Amino acid sequence: DNVRQITVDEAVEIALRRNPQLLQAYSQIEMAEHNQLSAIGQLL
């Protein structure tokens, strides 16, 4: 009875903010960036 109507673009925008699969993929990017920081540290 209380369905909020949204467009397909709004649905995609909400999913990109809330989807757990994307959040996990983003954490993998952060881990890769810290691996690069560790590799740079080997030159110091």
PDB file of all heavy atoms in Angstrom:
ATOM      1  N   ASP A   1       0.819  -1.202   0.000  1.00  0.00           N
ATOM      2  CA  ASP A   1       0.000   0.000   0.000  1.00  0.00           C
ATOM      3  C   ASP A   1       0.856   1.256   0.000  1.00  0.00           C
ATOM      4  O   ASP A   1       0.401   2.314  -0.434  1.00  0.00           O
ATOM      5  CB  ASP A   1      -0.928  -0.002   1.226  1.00  0.00           C
ATOM      6  CG  ASP A   1      -2.005  -1.073   1.110  1.00  0.00           C
ATOM      7  OD1 ASP A   1      -2.276  -1.489  -0.034  1.00  0.00           O
ATOM      8  OD2 ASP A   1      -2.557  -1.483   2.138  1.00  0.00           O
ATOM      9  N   ASN A   2       2.080   1.161   0.519  1.00  0.00           N
ATOM     10  CA  ASN A   2       2.955   2.322   0.627  1.00  0.00           C
ATOM     11  C   ASN A   2       4.180   2.166  -0.262  1.00  0.00           C
ATOM     12  O   ASN A   2       5.307   2.302   0.192  1.00  0.00           O
ATOM     13  CB  ASN A   2       3.385   2.527   2.083  1.00  0.00           C
ATOM     14  CG  ASN A   2       2.187   2.783   2.992  1.00  0.00           C
ATOM     15  OD1 ASN A   2       1.265   3.494   2.621  1.00  0.00           O
ATOM     16  ND2 ASN A   2       2.213   2.199   4.176  1.00  0.00           N
ATOM     17  N   VAL A   3       3.974   1.862  -1.520  1.00  0.00           N
ATOM     18  CA  VAL A   3       5.074   1.695  -2.467  1.00  0.00           C
ATOM     19  C   VAL A   3       5.551   3.066  -2.926  1.00  0.00           C
ATOM     20  O   VAL A   3       4.757   3.888  -3.390  1.00  0.00           O
ATOM     21  CB  VAL A   3       4.641   0.849  -3.677  1.00  0.00           C
ATOM     22  CG1 VAL A   3       5.783   0.736  -4.678  1.00  0.00           C
ATOM     23  CG2 VAL A   3       4.195  -0.524  -3.217  1.00  0.00           C
ATOM     24  N   ARG A   4       6.853   3.300  -2.795  1.00  0.00           N
ATOM     25  CA  ARG A   4       7.428   4.559  -3.266  1.00  0.00           C
ATOM     26  C   ARG A   4       7.853   4.372  -4.716  1.00  0.00           C
ATOM     27  O   ARG A   4       8.686   3.530  -5.028  1.00  0.00           O
ATOM     28  CB  ARG A   4       8.620   4.954  -2.399  1.00  0.00           C
ATOM     29  CG  ARG A   4       9.265   6.267  -2.811  1.00  0.00           C
ATOM     30  CD  ARG A   4      10.217   6.759  -1.729  1.00  0.00           C
ATOM     31  NE  ARG A   4      11.340   5.841  -1.560  1.00  0.00           N
ATOM     32  CZ  ARG A   4      12.509   5.956  -2.179  1.00  0.00           C
ATOM     33  NH1 ARG A   4      12.693   6.955  -3.037  1.00  0.00           N
ATOM     34  NH2 ARG A   4      13.479   5.108  -1.949  1.00  0.00           N
ATOM     35  N   GLN A   5       7.304   5.168  -5.600  1.00  0.00           N
ATOM     36  CA  GLN A   5       7.581   5.030  -7.022  1.00  0.00           C
ATOM     37  C   GLN A   5       8.896   5.730  -7.369  1.00  0.00           C
ATOM     38  O   GLN A   5       9.113   6.885  -6.996  1.00  0.00           O
ATOM     39  CB  GLN A   5       6.436   5.617  -7.852  1.00  0.00           C
ATOM     40  CG  GLN A   5       5.123   4.870  -7.686  1.00  0.00           C
ATOM     41  CD  GLN A   5       4.030   5.417  -8.575  1.00  0.00           C
ATOM     42  OE1 GLN A   5       4.165   6.491  -9.161  1.00  0.00           O
ATOM     43  NE2 GLN A   5       2.939   4.689  -8.706  1.00  0.00           N
ATOM     44  N   ILE A   6       9.755   5.023  -8.086  1.00  0.00           N
ATOM     45  CA  ILE A   6      11.051   5.560  -8.496  1.00  0.00           C
ATOM     46  C   ILE A   6      11.293   5.196  -9.958  1.00  0.00           C
ATOM     47  O   ILE A   6      10.724   4.239 -10.487  1.00  0.00           O
ATOM     48  CB  ILE A   6      12.208   5.012  -7.627  1.00  0.00           C
ATOM     49  CG1 ILE A   6      12.265   3.480  -7.725  1.00  0.00           C
ATOM     50  CG2 ILE A   6      12.076   5.459  -6.190  1.00  0.00           C
ATOM     51  CD1 ILE A   6      13.447   2.872  -6.979  1.00  0.00           C
ATOM     52  N   THR A   7      12.163   5.961 -10.597  1.00  0.00           N
ATOM     53  CA  THR A   7      12.561   5.653 -11.966  1.00  0.00           C
ATOM     54  C   THR A   7      13.668   4.606 -11.952  1.00  0.00           C
ATOM     55  O   THR A   7      14.249   4.299 -10.903  1.00  0.00           O
ATOM     56  CB  THR A   7      13.042   6.916 -12.686  1.00  0.00           C
ATOM     57  OG1 THR A   7      14.235   7.392 -12.032  1.00  0.00           O
ATOM     58  CG2 THR A   7      11.984   8.006 -12.648  1.00  0.00           C
ATOM     59  N   VAL A   8      13.981   4.094 -13.126  1.00  0.00           N
ATOM     60  CA  VAL A   8      15.027   3.074 -13.199  1.00  0.00           C
ATOM     61  C   VAL A   8      16.390   3.678 -12.859  1.00  0.00           C
ATOM     62  O   VAL A   8      17.240   3.020 -12.233  1.00  0.00           O
ATOM     63  CB  VAL A   8      15.043   2.427 -14.601  1.00  0.00           C
ATOM     64  CG1 VAL A   8      15.371   3.451 -15.685  1.00  0.00           C
ATOM     65  CG2 VAL A   8      16.012   1.252 -14.643  1.00  0.00           C
ATOM     66  N   ASP A   9      16.613   4.942 -13.230  1.00  0.00           N
ATOM     67  CA  ASP A   9      17.882   5.589 -12.872  1.00  0.00           C
ATOM     68  C   ASP A   9      18.004   5.774 -11.362  1.00  0.00           C
ATOM     69  O   ASP A   9      19.090   5.610 -10.790  1.00  0.00           O
ATOM     70  CB  ASP A   9      18.003   6.942 -13.576  1.00  0.00           C
ATOM     71  CG  ASP A   9      18.147   6.801 -15.086  1.00  0.00           C
ATOM     72  OD1 ASP A   9      18.649   5.741 -15.529  1.00  0.00           O
ATOM     73  OD2 ASP A   9      17.759   7.723 -15.820  1.00  0.00           O
ATOM     74  N   GLU A  10      16.911   6.114 -10.708  1.00  0.00           N
ATOM     75  CA  GLU A  10      16.935   6.228  -9.249  1.00  0.00           C
ATOM     76  C   GLU A  10      17.177   4.877  -8.595  1.00  0.00           C
ATOM     77  O   GLU A  10      17.889   4.779  -7.589  1.00  0.00           O
ATOM     78  CB  GLU A  10      15.615   6.834  -8.753  1.00  0.00           C
ATOM     79  CG  GLU A  10      15.419   8.283  -9.135  1.00  0.00           C
ATOM     80  CD  GLU A  10      14.037   8.811  -8.776  1.00  0.00           C
ATOM     81  OE1 GLU A  10      13.100   7.979  -8.630  1.00  0.00           O
ATOM     82  OE2 GLU A  10      13.876  10.034  -8.657  1.00  0.00           O
ATOM     83  N   ALA A  11      16.592   3.821  -9.162  1.00  0.00           N
ATOM     84  CA  ALA A  11      16.816   2.479  -8.625  1.00  0.00           C
ATOM     85  C   ALA A  11      18.285   2.084  -8.734  1.00  0.00           C
ATOM     86  O   ALA A  11      18.859   1.507  -7.797  1.00  0.00           O
ATOM     87  CB  ALA A  11      15.935   1.464  -9.368  1.00  0.00           C
ATOM     88  N   VAL A  12      18.902   2.401  -9.866  1.00  0.00           N
ATOM     89  CA  VAL A  12      20.327   2.090 -10.047  1.00  0.00           C
ATOM     90  C   VAL A  12      21.170   2.879  -9.054  1.00  0.00           C
ATOM     91  O   VAL A  12      22.114   2.347  -8.447  1.00  0.00           O
ATOM     92  CB  VAL A  12      20.758   2.391 -11.494  1.00  0.00           C
ATOM     93  CG1 VAL A  12      22.270   2.323 -11.630  1.00  0.00           C
ATOM     94  CG2 VAL A  12      20.098   1.410 -12.461  1.00  0.00           C
ATOM     95  N   GLU A  13      20.834   4.156  -8.869  1.00  0.00           N
ATOM     96  CA  GLU A  13      21.603   4.994  -7.940  1.00  0.00           C
ATOM     97  C   GLU A  13      21.527   4.455  -6.520  1.00  0.00           C
ATOM     98  O   GLU A  13      22.537   4.409  -5.804  1.00  0.00           O
ATOM     99  CB  GLU A  13      21.067   6.425  -8.002  1.00  0.00           C
ATOM    100  CG  GLU A  13      21.817   7.387  -7.094  1.00  0.00           C
ATOM    101  CD  GLU A  13      21.235   8.789  -7.136  1.00  0.00           C
ATOM    102  OE1 GLU A  13      20.297   9.021  -7.930  1.00  0.00           O
ATOM    103  OE2 GLU A  13      21.711   9.650  -6.373  1.00  0.00           O
ATOM    104  N   ILE A  14      20.358   4.029  -6.096  1.00  0.00           N
ATOM    105  CA  ILE A  14      20.217   3.472  -4.741  1.00  0.00           C
ATOM    106  C   ILE A  14      21.020   2.184  -4.610  1.00  0.00           C
ATOM    107  O   ILE A  14      21.703   1.952  -3.609  1.00  0.00           O
ATOM    108  CB  ILE A  14      18.728   3.223  -4.430  1.00  0.00           C
ATOM    109  CG1 ILE A  14      17.958   4.545  -4.410  1.00  0.00           C
ATOM    110  CG2 ILE A  14      18.569   2.518  -3.087  1.00  0.00           C
ATOM    111  CD1 ILE A  14      16.460   4.369  -4.266  1.00  0.00           C
ATOM    112  N   ALA A  15      20.958   1.339  -5.631  1.00  0.00           N
ATOM    113  CA  ALA A  15      21.669   0.060  -5.574  1.00  0.00           C
ATOM    114  C   ALA A  15      23.172   0.260  -5.505  1.00  0.00           C
ATOM    115  O   ALA A  15      23.876  -0.466  -4.791  1.00  0.00           O
ATOM    116  CB  ALA A  15      21.296  -0.804  -6.780  1.00  0.00           C
ATOM    117  N   LEU A  16      23.681   1.239  -6.234  1.00  0.00           N
ATOM    118  CA  LEU A  16      25.124   1.482  -6.235  1.00  0.00           C
ATOM    119  C   LEU A  16      25.616   1.969  -4.875  1.00  0.00           C
ATOM    120  O   LEU A  16      26.803   1.840  -4.560  1.00  0.00           O
ATOM    121  CB  LEU A  16      25.493   2.495  -7.319  1.00  0.00           C
ATOM    122  CG  LEU A  16      25.270   2.031  -8.763  1.00  0.00           C
ATOM    123  CD1 LEU A  16      25.684   3.123  -9.740  1.00  0.00           C
ATOM    124  CD2 LEU A  16      26.031   0.749  -9.044  1.00  0.00           C
ATOM    125  N   ARG A  17      24.724   2.545  -4.085  1.00  0.00           N
ATOM    126  CA  ARG A  17      25.106   2.998  -2.747  1.00  0.00           C
ATOM    127  C   ARG A  17      24.960   1.917  -1.698  1.00  0.00           C
ATOM    128  O   ARG A  17      25.694   1.913  -0.706  1.00  0.00           O
ATOM    129  CB  ARG A  17      24.252   4.199  -2.328  1.00  0.00           C
ATOM    130  CG  ARG A  17      24.486   5.458  -3.124  1.00  0.00           C
ATOM    131  CD  ARG A  17      23.942   6.668  -2.362  1.00  0.00           C
ATOM    132  NE  ARG A  17      22.592   6.436  -1.842  1.00  0.00           N
ATOM    133  CZ  ARG A  17      21.486   6.820  -2.457  1.00  0.00           C
ATOM    134  NH1 ARG A  17      21.566   7.445  -3.617  1.00  0.00           N
ATOM    135  NH2 ARG A  17      20.303   6.589  -1.926  1.00  0.00           N
ATOM    136  N   ARG A  18      24.052   0.983  -1.907  1.00  0.00           N
ATOM    137  CA  ARG A  18      23.684   0.062  -0.838  1.00  0.00           C
ATOM    138  C   ARG A  18      24.041  -1.396  -1.101  1.00  0.00           C
ATOM    139  O   ARG A  18      24.015  -2.199  -0.172  1.00  0.00           O
ATOM    140  CB  ARG A  18      22.171   0.138  -0.566  1.00  0.00           C
ATOM    141  CG  ARG A  18      21.704   1.478  -0.024  1.00  0.00           C
ATOM    142  CD  ARG A  18      20.192   1.494   0.110  1.00  0.00           C
ATOM    143  NE  ARG A  18      19.710   2.686   0.781  1.00  0.00           N
ATOM    144  CZ  ARG A  18      19.518   2.779   2.091  1.00  0.00           C
ATOM    145  NH1 ARG A  18      19.764   1.739   2.855  1.00  0.00           N
ATOM    146  NH2 ARG A  18      19.080   3.899   2.629  1.00  0.00           N
ATOM    147  N   ASN A  19      24.366  -1.741  -2.323  1.00  0.00           N
ATOM    148  CA  ASN A  19      24.558  -3.156  -2.642  1.00  0.00           C
ATOM    149  C   ASN A  19      25.767  -3.739  -1.907  1.00  0.00           C
ATOM    150  O   ASN A  19      26.878  -3.193  -2.002  1.00  0.00           O
ATOM    151  CB  ASN A  19      24.730  -3.331  -4.149  1.00  0.00           C
ATOM    152  CG  ASN A  19      24.760  -4.783  -4.560  1.00  0.00           C
ATOM    153  OD1 ASN A  19      25.807  -5.390  -4.620  1.00  0.00           O
ATOM    154  ND2 ASN A  19      23.600  -5.344  -4.830  1.00  0.00           N
ATOM    155  N   PRO A  20      25.613  -4.836  -1.164  1.00  0.00           N
ATOM    156  CA  PRO A  20      26.739  -5.415  -0.413  1.00  0.00           C
ATOM    157  C   PRO A  20      27.869  -5.909  -1.314  1.00  0.00           C
ATOM    158  O   PRO A  20      29.045  -5.831  -0.940  1.00  0.00           O
ATOM    159  CB  PRO A  20      26.090  -6.582   0.352  1.00  0.00           C
ATOM    160  CG  PRO A  20      24.635  -6.269   0.390  1.00  0.00           C
ATOM    161  CD  PRO A  20      24.354  -5.528  -0.876  1.00  0.00           C
ATOM    162  N   GLN A  21      27.548  -6.419  -2.489  1.00  0.00           N
ATOM    163  CA  GLN A  21      28.581  -6.907  -3.401  1.00  0.00           C
ATOM    164  C   GLN A  21      29.521  -5.780  -3.818  1.00  0.00           C
ATOM    165  O   GLN A  21      30.738  -5.967  -3.890  1.00  0.00           O
ATOM    166  CB  GLN A  21      27.928  -7.537  -4.632  1.00  0.00           C
ATOM    167  CG  GLN A  21      28.911  -8.125  -5.632  1.00  0.00           C
ATOM    168  CD  GLN A  21      28.219  -8.688  -6.860  1.00  0.00           C
ATOM    169  OE1 GLN A  21      26.997  -8.653  -6.974  1.00  0.00           O
ATOM    170  NE2 GLN A  21      28.991  -9.192  -7.791  1.00  0.00           N
ATOM    171  N   LEU A  22      28.969  -4.598  -4.064  1.00  0.00           N
ATOM    172  CA  LEU A  22      29.803  -3.469  -4.450  1.00  0.00           C
ATOM    173  C   LEU A  22      30.665  -2.988  -3.280  1.00  0.00           C
ATOM    174  O   LEU A  22      31.822  -2.605  -3.468  1.00  0.00           O
ATOM    175  CB  LEU A  22      28.928  -2.320  -4.941  1.00  0.00           C
ATOM    176  CG  LEU A  22      28.453  -2.397  -6.393  1.00  0.00           C
ATOM    177  CD1 LEU A  22      27.660  -1.156  -6.751  1.00  0.00           C
ATOM    178  CD2 LEU A  22      29.621  -2.566  -7.328  1.00  0.00           C
ATOM    179  N   LEU A  23      30.102  -3.008  -2.092  1.00  0.00           N
ATOM    180  CA  LEU A  23      30.878  -2.602  -0.922  1.00  0.00           C
ATOM    181  C   LEU A  23      32.061  -3.543  -0.697  1.00  0.00           C
ATOM    182  O   LEU A  23      33.163  -3.113  -0.338  1.00  0.00           O
ATOM    183  CB  LEU A  23      29.976  -2.565   0.313  1.00  0.00           C
ATOM    184  CG  LEU A  23      28.837  -1.528   0.278  1.00  0.00           C
ATOM    185  CD1 LEU A  23      27.980  -1.624   1.529  1.00  0.00           C
ATOM    186  CD2 LEU A  23      29.385  -0.124   0.119  1.00  0.00           C
ATOM    187  N   GLN A  24      31.855  -4.830  -0.913  1.00  0.00           N
ATOM    188  CA  GLN A  24      32.955  -5.783  -0.793  1.00  0.00           C
ATOM    189  C   GLN A  24      34.011  -5.534  -1.872  1.00  0.00           C
ATOM    190  O   GLN A  24      35.223  -5.607  -1.605  1.00  0.00           O
ATOM    191  CB  GLN A  24      32.420  -7.209  -0.891  1.00  0.00           C
ATOM    192  CG  GLN A  24      31.535  -7.612   0.278  1.00  0.00           C
ATOM    193  CD  GLN A  24      30.923  -8.982   0.085  1.00  0.00           C
ATOM    194  OE1 GLN A  24      31.162  -9.641  -0.924  1.00  0.00           O
ATOM    195  NE2 GLN A  24      30.131  -9.420   1.039  1.00  0.00           N
ATOM    196  N   ALA A  25      33.570  -5.245  -3.089  1.00  0.00           N
ATOM    197  CA  ALA A  25      34.516  -4.974  -4.175  1.00  0.00           C
ATOM    198  C   ALA A  25      35.326  -3.713  -3.886  1.00  0.00           C
ATOM    199  O   ALA A  25      36.521  -3.647  -4.193  1.00  0.00           O
ATOM    200  CB  ALA A  25      33.766  -4.836  -5.504  1.00  0.00           C
ATOM    201  N   TYR A  26      34.687  -2.712  -3.288  1.00  0.00           N
ATOM    202  CA  TYR A  26      35.419  -1.493  -2.951  1.00  0.00           C
ATOM    203  C   TYR A  26      36.461  -1.747  -1.870  1.00  0.00           C
ATOM    204  O   TYR A  26      37.554  -1.167  -1.893  1.00  0.00           O
ATOM    205  CB  TYR A  26      34.448  -0.412  -2.497  1.00  0.00           C
ATOM    206  CG  TYR A  26      35.115   0.920  -2.242  1.00  0.00           C
ATOM    207  CD1 TYR A  26      35.507   1.735  -3.298  1.00  0.00           C
ATOM    208  CD2 TYR A  26      35.358   1.354  -0.953  1.00  0.00           C
ATOM    209  CE1 TYR A  26      36.134   2.945  -3.070  1.00  0.00           C
ATOM    210  CE2 TYR A  26      35.988   2.576  -0.715  1.00  0.00           C
ATOM    211  CZ  TYR A  26      36.368   3.367  -1.772  1.00  0.00           C
ATOM    212  OH  TYR A  26      36.987   4.559  -1.548  1.00  0.00           O
ATOM    213  N   SER A  27      36.159  -2.608  -0.911  1.00  0.00           N
ATOM    214  CA  SER A  27      37.148  -2.937   0.113  1.00  0.00           C
ATOM    215  C   SER A  27      38.359  -3.644  -0.488  1.00  0.00           C
ATOM    216  O   SER A  27      39.485  -3.483  -0.002  1.00  0.00           O
ATOM    217  CB  SER A  27      36.508  -3.818   1.204  1.00  0.00           C
ATOM    218  OG  SER A  27      36.154  -5.090   0.675  1.00  0.00           O
ATOM    219  N   GLN A  28      38.157  -4.392  -1.566  1.00  0.00           N
ATOM    220  CA  GLN A  28      39.290  -5.015  -2.249  1.00  0.00           C
ATOM    221  C   GLN A  28      40.197  -3.966  -2.899  1.00  0.00           C
ATOM    222  O   GLN A  28      41.422  -4.125  -2.931  1.00  0.00           O
ATOM    223  CB  GLN A  28      38.776  -5.998  -3.315  1.00  0.00           C
ATOM    224  CG  GLN A  28      38.027  -7.196  -2.755  1.00  0.00           C
ATOM    225  CD  GLN A  28      38.937  -8.091  -1.914  1.00  0.00           C
ATOM    226  OE1 GLN A  28      40.129  -8.247  -2.214  1.00  0.00           O
ATOM    227  NE2 GLN A  28      38.372  -8.675  -0.871  1.00  0.00           N
ATOM    228  N   ILE A  29      39.606  -2.875  -3.401  1.00  0.00           N
ATOM    229  CA  ILE A  29      40.415  -1.780  -3.943  1.00  0.00           C
ATOM    230  C   ILE A  29      41.251  -1.150  -2.839  1.00  0.00           C
ATOM    231  O   ILE A  29      42.451  -0.857  -3.032  1.00  0.00           O
ATOM    232  CB  ILE A  29      39.507  -0.732  -4.613  1.00  0.00           C
ATOM    233  CG1 ILE A  29      38.801  -1.337  -5.838  1.00  0.00           C
ATOM    234  CG2 ILE A  29      40.311   0.491  -5.031  1.00  0.00           C
ATOM    235  CD1 ILE A  29      37.858  -0.375  -6.525  1.00  0.00           C
ATOM    236  N   GLU A  30      40.664  -0.927  -1.691  1.00  0.00           N
ATOM    237  CA  GLU A  30      41.405  -0.343  -0.575  1.00  0.00           C
ATOM    238  C   GLU A  30      42.563  -1.245  -0.139  1.00  0.00           C
ATOM    239  O   GLU A  30      43.662  -0.763   0.168  1.00  0.00           O
ATOM    240  CB  GLU A  30      40.469  -0.078   0.595  1.00  0.00           C
ATOM    241  CG  GLU A  30      39.427   0.997   0.305  1.00  0.00           C
ATOM    242  CD  GLU A  30      38.496   1.236   1.480  1.00  0.00           C
ATOM    243  OE1 GLU A  30      38.215   0.249   2.209  1.00  0.00           O
ATOM    244  OE2 GLU A  30      38.055   2.368   1.687  1.00  0.00           O
ATOM    245  N   MET A  31      42.315  -2.556  -0.120  1.00  0.00           N
ATOM    246  CA  MET A  31      43.399  -3.478   0.227  1.00  0.00           C
ATOM    247  C   MET A  31      44.525  -3.417  -0.799  1.00  0.00           C
ATOM    248  O   MET A  31      45.714  -3.457  -0.444  1.00  0.00           O
ATOM    249  CB  MET A  31      42.842  -4.896   0.345  1.00  0.00           C
ATOM    250  CG  MET A  31      41.892  -5.113   1.517  1.00  0.00           C
ATOM    251  SD  MET A  31      41.194  -6.781   1.561  1.00  0.00           S
ATOM    252  CE  MET A  31      42.681  -7.767   1.691  1.00  0.00           C
ATOM    253  N   ALA A  32      44.175  -3.324  -2.085  1.00  0.00           N
ATOM    254  CA  ALA A  32      45.195  -3.233  -3.128  1.00  0.00           C
ATOM    255  C   ALA A  32      45.997  -1.944  -2.993  1.00  0.00           C
ATOM    256  O   ALA A  32      47.216  -1.930  -3.216  1.00  0.00           O
ATOM    257  CB  ALA A  32      44.528  -3.306  -4.507  1.00  0.00           C
ATOM    258  N   GLU A  33      45.342  -0.852  -2.620  1.00  0.00           N
ATOM    259  CA  GLU A  33      46.067   0.413  -2.429  1.00  0.00           C
ATOM    260  C   GLU A  33      47.034   0.321  -1.262  1.00  0.00           C
ATOM    261  O   GLU A  33      48.140   0.876  -1.306  1.00  0.00           O
ATOM    262  CB  GLU A  33      45.060   1.543  -2.215  1.00  0.00           C
ATOM    263  CG  GLU A  33      44.253   1.887  -3.472  1.00  0.00           C
ATOM    264  CD  GLU A  33      43.186   2.927  -3.198  1.00  0.00           C
ATOM    265  OE1 GLU A  33      42.891   3.163  -2.000  1.00  0.00           O
ATOM    266  OE2 GLU A  33      42.635   3.488  -4.164  1.00  0.00           O
ATOM    267  N   HIS A  34      46.655  -0.374  -0.196  1.00  0.00           N
ATOM    268  CA  HIS A  34      47.569  -0.551   0.932  1.00  0.00           C
ATOM    269  C   HIS A  34      48.719  -1.492   0.566  1.00  0.00           C
ATOM    270  O   HIS A  34      49.835  -1.336   1.075  1.00  0.00           O
ATOM    271  CB  HIS A  34      46.811  -1.074   2.153  1.00  0.00           C
ATOM    272  CG  HIS A  34      46.063  -0.007   2.899  1.00  0.00           C
ATOM    273  ND1 HIS A  34      44.855   0.494   2.464  1.00  0.00           N
ATOM    274  CD2 HIS A  34      46.368   0.678   4.028  1.00  0.00           C
ATOM    275  CE1 HIS A  34      44.434   1.419   3.309  1.00  0.00           C
ATOM    276  NE2 HIS A  34      45.335   1.560   4.262  1.00  0.00           N
ATOM    277  N   ASN A  35      48.461  -2.446  -0.307  1.00  0.00           N
ATOM    278  CA  ASN A  35      49.568  -3.292  -0.796  1.00  0.00           C
ATOM    279  C   ASN A  35      50.573  -2.457  -1.580  1.00  0.00           C
ATOM    280  O   ASN A  35      51.794  -2.680  -1.493  1.00  0.00           O
ATOM    281  CB  ASN A  35      49.010  -4.415  -1.670  1.00  0.00           C
ATOM    282  CG  ASN A  35      48.232  -5.443  -0.873  1.00  0.00           C
ATOM    283  OD1 ASN A  35      48.441  -5.590   0.339  1.00  0.00           O
ATOM    284  ND2 ASN A  35      47.342  -6.156  -1.532  1.00  0.00           N
ATOM    285  N   GLN A  36      50.086  -1.492  -2.351  1.00  0.00           N
ATOM    286  CA  GLN A  36      51.000  -0.607  -3.070  1.00  0.00           C
ATOM    287  C   GLN A  36      51.796   0.253  -2.091  1.00  0.00           C
ATOM    288  O   GLN A  36      53.000   0.486  -2.288  1.00  0.00           O
ATOM    289  CB  GLN A  36      50.212   0.292  -4.029  1.00  0.00           C
ATOM    290  CG  GLN A  36      51.098   1.282  -4.777  1.00  0.00           C
ATOM    291  CD  GLN A  36      50.306   2.187  -5.699  1.00  0.00           C
ATOM    292  OE1 GLN A  36      50.417   2.097  -6.917  1.00  0.00           O
ATOM    293  NE2 GLN A  36      49.488   3.063  -5.130  1.00  0.00           N
ATOM    294  N   LEU A  37      51.145   0.725  -1.040  1.00  0.00           N
ATOM    295  CA  LEU A  37      51.865   1.517  -0.039  1.00  0.00           C
ATOM    296  C   LEU A  37      52.972   0.693   0.608  1.00  0.00           C
ATOM    297  O   LEU A  37      54.085   1.196   0.850  1.00  0.00           O
ATOM    298  CB  LEU A  37      50.878   2.016   1.019  1.00  0.00           C
ATOM    299  CG  LEU A  37      51.452   2.914   2.120  1.00  0.00           C
ATOM    300  CD1 LEU A  37      52.003   4.202   1.521  1.00  0.00           C
ATOM    301  CD2 LEU A  37      50.382   3.221   3.166  1.00  0.00           C
ATOM    302  N   SER A  38      52.695  -0.594   0.865  1.00  0.00           N
ATOM    303  CA  SER A  38      53.714  -1.472   1.432  1.00  0.00           C
ATOM    304  C   SER A  38      54.867  -1.686   0.454  1.00  0.00           C
ATOM    305  O   SER A  38      56.039  -1.724   0.855  1.00  0.00           O
ATOM    306  CB  SER A  38      53.091  -2.816   1.810  1.00  0.00           C
ATOM    307  OG  SER A  38      54.056  -3.709   2.307  1.00  0.00           O
ATOM    308  N   ALA A  39      54.559  -1.801  -0.840  1.00  0.00           N
ATOM    309  CA  ALA A  39      55.614  -1.968  -1.849  1.00  0.00           C
ATOM    310  C   ALA A  39      56.472  -0.718  -1.965  1.00  0.00           C
ATOM    311  O   ALA A  39      57.692  -0.798  -2.148  1.00  0.00           O
ATOM    312  CB  ALA A  39      54.990  -2.321  -3.196  1.00  0.00           C
ATOM    313  N   ILE A  40      55.857   0.466  -1.841  1.00  0.00           N
ATOM    314  CA  ILE A  40      56.632   1.706  -1.861  1.00  0.00           C
ATOM    315  C   ILE A  40      57.545   1.782  -0.651  1.00  0.00           C
ATOM    316  O   ILE A  40      58.691   2.256  -0.730  1.00  0.00           O
ATOM    317  CB  ILE A  40      55.678   2.920  -1.915  1.00  0.00           C
ATOM    318  CG1 ILE A  40      54.930   2.947  -3.251  1.00  0.00           C
ATOM    319  CG2 ILE A  40      56.444   4.225  -1.718  1.00  0.00           C
ATOM    320  CD1 ILE A  40      53.881   4.036  -3.337  1.00  0.00           C
ATOM    321  N   GLY A  41      57.050   1.279   0.482  1.00  0.00           N
ATOM    322  CA  GLY A  41      57.854   1.297   1.692  1.00  0.00           C
ATOM    323  C   GLY A  41      59.121   0.470   1.591  1.00  0.00           C
ATOM    324  O   GLY A  41      60.114   0.754   2.290  1.00  0.00           O
ATOM    325  N   GLN A  42      59.136  -0.531   0.715  1.00  0.00           N
ATOM    326  CA  GLN A  42      60.347  -1.331   0.540  1.00  0.00           C
ATOM    327  C   GLN A  42      61.483  -0.529  -0.104  1.00  0.00           C
ATOM    328  O   GLN A  42      62.650  -0.894   0.027  1.00  0.00           O
ATOM    329  CB  GLN A  42      60.036  -2.563  -0.319  1.00  0.00           C
ATOM    330  CG  GLN A  42      59.086  -3.548   0.331  1.00  0.00           C
ATOM    331  CD  GLN A  42      58.825  -4.752  -0.551  1.00  0.00           C
ATOM    332  OE1 GLN A  42      59.495  -4.936  -1.569  1.00  0.00           O
ATOM    333  NE2 GLN A  42      57.866  -5.577  -0.165  1.00  0.00           N
ATOM    334  N   LEU A  43      61.153   0.569  -0.795  1.00  0.00           N
ATOM    335  CA  LEU A  43      62.169   1.404  -1.423  1.00  0.00           C
ATOM    336  C   LEU A  43      62.747   2.435  -0.456  1.00  0.00           C
ATOM    337  O   LEU A  43      63.684   3.152  -0.812  1.00  0.00           O
ATOM    338  CB  LEU A  43      61.571   2.118  -2.643  1.00  0.00           C
ATOM    339  CG  LEU A  43      61.033   1.214  -3.756  1.00  0.00           C
ATOM    340  CD1 LEU A  43      60.356   2.060  -4.830  1.00  0.00           C
ATOM    341  CD2 LEU A  43      62.147   0.373  -4.358  1.00  0.00           C
ATOM    342  N   LEU A  44      62.195   2.538   0.726  1.00  0.00           N
ATOM    343  CA  LEU A  44      62.634   3.523   1.711  1.00  0.00           C
ATOM    344  C   LEU A  44      63.458   2.856   2.801  1.00  0.00           C
ATOM    345  O   LEU A  44      63.317   1.646   3.055  1.00  0.00           O
ATOM    346  CB  LEU A  44      61.417   4.231   2.317  1.00  0.00           C
ATOM    347  CG  LEU A  44      60.479   4.933   1.319  1.00  0.00           C
ATOM    348  CD1 LEU A  44      59.292   5.520   2.044  1.00  0.00           C
ATOM    349  CD2 LEU A  44      61.227   6.008   0.547  1.00  0.00           C
TER     350      LEU A  44
END
